[in-house]
Amino acid sequence: MRIKTLICNCKGLSAPFRNSDMNTLPFEIESDVDVDYAIVHPQLCGAGGSKVMEDVLRSAEDDPDTFVIVGACEPEAQQKLFKKTLRKTGFDQDHLVAIDIRSTTNGGILDRLRDKIEALVQPKEKHH
């Protein structure tokens, strides 16, 4: 399983992100969690963020073992915000995984990522 991690800090202006350090977070993710890479974008639902999302999804669309985890606002909002990009790229919506990273520290974000990755791995291990 390959995991690409995209982190959004909602323009860096939203109060729920004030306890996390987005400058050090990508390094911490790549050092502490088994992912291919981690990037931070200030607004994944904006025009530039949508282009980044398209590039990442297109690079993984033919790889059934790749998951893209997006840490940002509430997962339900992410599903709505990224619906058009998913349609445009044809990426498997079950492989785009949303997690809520609001109102926590970098350590809390790392814990949420680890929990989500563990949940993705568990079903696969049961089938082998």
Protein backbone atom coordinates (compact mmCIF):
# COMPACT_ATOMS: atom_id res chain seq x y z
CA MET A 1 0.00 0.00 0.00
CA ARG A 2 1.25 3.45 -0.94
CA ILE A 3 0.01 6.53 0.88
CA LYS A 4 0.29 10.12 -0.24
CA THR A 5 -0.64 12.74 2.32
CA LEU A 6 -2.04 16.18 1.54
CA ILE A 7 -2.54 18.61 4.38
CA CYS A 8 -4.62 21.78 4.14
CA ASN A 9 -4.42 24.53 6.73
CA CYS A 10 -7.41 26.49 5.43
CA LYS A 11 -5.40 29.57 4.54
CA GLY A 12 -3.70 29.51 7.93
CA LEU A 13 -6.31 31.90 9.24
CA SER A 14 -8.77 29.50 10.82
CA ALA A 15 -8.74 29.22 14.62
CA PRO A 16 -8.99 25.39 14.63
CA PHE A 17 -5.49 25.23 13.09
CA ARG A 18 -3.74 27.54 15.55
CA ASN A 19 -2.32 24.70 17.69
CA SER A 20 -0.55 22.96 14.82
CA ASP A 21 2.74 23.96 13.17
CA MET A 22 2.31 23.53 9.44
CA ASN A 23 5.98 24.39 8.82
CA THR A 24 7.23 21.28 10.64
CA LEU A 25 4.26 18.98 10.05
CA PRO A 26 5.31 17.51 6.65
CA PHE A 27 8.72 16.54 8.05
CA GLU A 28 7.11 15.00 11.13
CA ILE A 29 4.66 13.00 9.01
CA GLU A 30 7.36 11.70 6.68
CA SER A 31 9.62 10.84 9.63
CA ASP A 32 7.04 9.21 11.90
CA VAL A 33 4.38 7.71 9.61
CA ASP A 34 4.79 5.24 6.74
CA VAL A 35 3.81 7.48 3.79
CA ASP A 36 5.33 8.21 0.39
CA TYR A 37 5.24 11.93 1.07
CA ALA A 38 3.41 14.74 2.82
CA ILE A 39 2.70 18.22 1.52
CA VAL A 40 0.91 21.22 2.96
CA HIS A 41 -1.19 23.54 0.84
CA PRO A 42 -2.89 26.66 2.18
CA GLN A 43 -6.22 25.95 0.46
CA LEU A 44 -6.78 22.59 -1.25
CA CYS A 45 -10.33 23.60 -2.15
CA GLY A 46 -9.07 26.75 -3.93
CA ALA A 47 -7.95 27.00 -7.57
CA GLY A 48 -4.27 26.19 -6.94
CA GLY A 49 -5.13 23.48 -4.43
CA SER A 50 -7.49 21.85 -6.92
CA LYS A 51 -4.66 21.70 -9.46
CA VAL A 52 -2.37 20.07 -6.88
CA MET A 53 -5.11 17.60 -6.00
CA GLU A 54 -5.67 16.78 -9.69
CA ASP A 55 -1.95 16.15 -10.22
CA VAL A 56 -1.70 13.88 -7.21
CA LEU A 57 -4.85 11.92 -8.09
CA ARG A 58 -3.87 11.55 -11.75
CA SER A 59 -0.43 10.26 -10.76
CA ALA A 60 -2.09 7.55 -8.69
CA GLU A 61 -5.21 6.73 -10.71
CA ASP A 62 -3.80 3.57 -12.30
CA ASP A 63 -2.31 2.22 -9.07
CA PRO A 64 -4.94 0.30 -7.08
CA ASP A 65 -2.63 0.18 -4.06
CA THR A 66 -2.35 3.96 -3.67
CA PHE A 67 -4.41 5.91 -1.17
CA VAL A 68 -4.45 9.69 -0.84
CA ILE A 69 -5.15 10.92 2.66
CA VAL A 70 -6.30 14.51 2.98
CA GLY A 71 -6.05 16.13 6.38
CA ALA A 72 -8.17 19.26 6.55
CA CYS A 73 -11.64 20.28 7.68
CA GLU A 74 -14.48 17.89 8.43
CA PRO A 75 -14.57 14.81 6.16
CA GLU A 76 -18.13 15.49 4.97
CA ALA A 77 -17.11 18.95 3.76
CA GLN A 78 -14.05 17.49 2.03
CA GLN A 79 -16.22 14.98 0.15
CA LYS A 80 -18.34 17.82 -1.22
CA LEU A 81 -15.36 20.08 -1.97
CA PHE A 82 -13.39 17.41 -3.85
CA LYS A 83 -16.29 15.73 -5.68
CA LYS A 84 -15.64 17.63 -8.93
CA THR A 85 -11.91 16.84 -8.84
CA LEU A 86 -12.65 13.15 -8.28
CA ARG A 87 -15.03 13.12 -11.24
CA LYS A 88 -12.55 14.99 -13.40
CA THR A 89 -9.67 12.61 -12.66
CA GLY A 90 -11.57 9.33 -12.39
CA PHE A 91 -9.71 8.52 -9.17
CA ASP A 92 -11.36 5.82 -7.03
CA GLN A 93 -13.29 7.77 -4.40
CA ASP A 94 -12.73 4.96 -1.90
CA HIS A 95 -8.99 5.67 -2.12
CA LEU A 96 -9.37 9.35 -1.23
CA VAL A 97 -9.51 9.33 2.54
CA ALA A 98 -10.48 12.43 4.50
CA ILE A 99 -9.46 13.10 8.08
CA ASP A 100 -10.30 16.02 10.31
CA ILE A 101 -7.13 17.67 11.61
CA ARG A 102 -8.75 20.67 13.25
CA SER A 103 -8.33 21.63 16.90
CA THR A 104 -5.25 19.57 17.65
CA THR A 105 -1.46 19.72 17.75
CA ASN A 106 0.99 18.10 15.35
CA GLY A 107 1.10 15.10 17.71
CA GLY A 108 -2.68 14.81 17.49
CA ILE A 109 -2.55 15.01 13.70
CA LEU A 110 0.07 12.26 13.62
CA ASP A 111 -2.14 10.09 15.85
CA ARG A 112 -5.15 10.64 13.57
CA LEU A 113 -3.07 9.74 10.52
CA ARG A 114 -1.73 6.58 12.16
CA ASP A 115 -5.25 5.54 13.22
CA LYS A 116 -6.61 6.06 9.71
CA ILE A 117 -3.73 4.16 8.09
CA GLU A 118 -4.16 1.31 10.54
CA ALA A 119 -7.87 1.15 9.67
CA LEU A 120 -6.98 0.99 5.96
CA VAL A 121 -4.43 -1.77 6.49
CA GLN A 122 -6.54 -3.93 8.82
CA PRO A 123 -9.18 -5.02 6.28
CA LYS A 124 -6.46 -5.96 3.77
CA GLU A 125 -4.59 -8.08 6.31
CA LYS A 126 -7.77 -10.01 7.18
CA HIS A 127 -8.16 -11.14 3.55
CA HIS A 128 -4.65 -12.59 3.23
